[in-house]
């Protein structure tokens, strides 16, 4: 069975190292992709205030980060091994 595994990393270097290790150590990998997306979070008390603060780039309460996600398509029998490697390499929010 074909399985898709998704994990987030704090930075792209960690994701790159994880992909390299998984591709060399695990058989049955069909594809591995790294995607970087901007993540914006606002520190506010009210939901409407959050929408306003995200719209204002000059607002001091807005923190901008880049979220790095790793997407792996693999043979399902290897998923436990891949999850273990991702956790070892600093992966977060695995699904």
Protein backbone atom coordinates (compact mmCIF):
# COMPACT_ATOMS: atom_id res chain seq x y z
CA UNK A 1 0.00 0.00 0.00
CA UNK A 2 1.22 3.51 -0.80
CA UNK A 3 1.36 5.90 2.17
CA UNK A 4 1.90 9.64 2.48
CA UNK A 5 3.80 11.01 5.48
CA UNK A 6 3.85 14.71 6.38
CA UNK A 7 6.11 16.36 8.96
CA UNK A 8 7.09 19.91 9.84
CA UNK A 9 10.58 21.13 10.66
CA UNK A 10 11.83 24.32 12.30
CA UNK A 11 14.07 25.13 9.33
CA UNK A 12 14.90 23.89 5.85
CA UNK A 13 18.34 22.56 6.83
CA UNK A 14 16.78 20.02 9.19
CA UNK A 15 14.33 18.96 6.49
CA UNK A 16 17.15 18.61 3.93
CA UNK A 17 19.15 16.39 6.28
CA UNK A 18 16.09 14.27 7.03
CA UNK A 19 15.35 13.75 3.33
CA UNK A 20 18.94 12.78 2.59
CA UNK A 21 19.01 10.27 5.42
CA UNK A 22 15.62 8.77 4.56
CA UNK A 23 16.46 8.48 0.86
CA UNK A 24 19.76 6.70 1.59
CA UNK A 25 18.68 4.48 4.51
CA UNK A 26 15.10 3.46 3.65
CA UNK A 27 13.95 1.43 0.65
CA UNK A 28 10.50 1.96 -0.88
CA UNK A 29 10.50 5.78 -1.09
CA UNK A 30 8.58 6.95 -4.18
CA UNK A 31 8.99 10.70 -3.69
CA UNK A 32 10.14 13.23 -1.11
CA UNK A 33 9.38 16.96 -1.32
CA UNK A 34 10.18 19.92 0.90
CA UNK A 35 7.77 22.86 0.87
CA UNK A 36 8.32 26.20 2.61
CA UNK A 37 5.32 28.34 3.45
CA UNK A 38 5.18 31.63 5.31
CA UNK A 39 3.43 31.32 8.66
CA UNK A 40 2.01 34.40 10.33
CA UNK A 41 0.82 34.44 13.91
CA UNK A 42 -0.67 37.33 15.80
CA UNK A 43 -0.82 37.80 19.55
CA UNK A 44 -4.27 39.24 20.30
CA UNK A 45 -7.21 38.88 22.64
CA UNK A 46 -10.08 38.89 20.12
CA UNK A 47 -10.53 37.03 16.78
CA UNK A 48 -11.40 40.19 14.82
CA UNK A 49 -8.35 41.89 16.22
CA UNK A 50 -6.24 38.99 14.92
CA UNK A 51 -7.51 39.58 11.38
CA UNK A 52 -6.70 43.29 11.62
CA UNK A 53 -3.24 42.70 13.05
CA UNK A 54 -2.31 40.19 10.34
CA UNK A 55 -3.35 42.72 7.71
CA UNK A 56 -1.07 45.36 9.24
CA UNK A 57 2.53 44.42 8.56
CA UNK A 58 3.89 47.20 10.78
CA UNK A 59 2.09 45.91 13.85
CA UNK A 60 4.57 44.89 16.57
CA UNK A 61 2.41 41.93 17.69
CA UNK A 62 2.78 40.11 14.37
CA UNK A 63 5.46 37.44 14.15
CA UNK A 64 6.42 36.14 10.71
CA UNK A 65 8.11 32.77 10.34
CA UNK A 66 8.69 30.26 7.60
CA UNK A 67 7.23 26.82 8.08
CA UNK A 68 9.06 23.94 6.38
CA UNK A 69 7.05 20.81 5.60
CA UNK A 70 8.31 17.46 4.38
CA UNK A 71 6.03 15.26 2.24
CA UNK A 72 7.04 11.65 1.64
CA UNK A 73 5.23 9.07 -0.49
CA UNK A 74 6.40 5.59 0.37
CA UNK A 75 5.62 1.91 0.71
CA UNK A 76 3.35 1.60 3.76
CA UNK A 77 5.46 -1.17 5.26
CA UNK A 78 8.27 1.38 5.78
CA UNK A 79 6.22 4.06 7.55
CA UNK A 80 7.31 3.13 11.10
CA UNK A 81 10.96 3.34 10.07
CA UNK A 82 10.39 6.72 8.41
CA UNK A 83 8.49 8.13 11.41
CA UNK A 84 11.36 7.07 13.63
CA UNK A 85 13.95 8.79 11.43
CA UNK A 86 11.87 11.96 11.18
CA UNK A 87 11.50 12.14 14.97
CA UNK A 88 15.25 11.58 15.38
CA UNK A 89 16.04 14.34 12.88
CA UNK A 90 13.85 16.94 14.65
CA UNK A 91 10.52 16.53 12.87
CA UNK A 92 7.36 17.98 14.40
CA UNK A 93 3.63 17.42 13.84
CA UNK A 94 3.96 14.15 11.96
CA UNK A 95 0.91 12.72 10.24
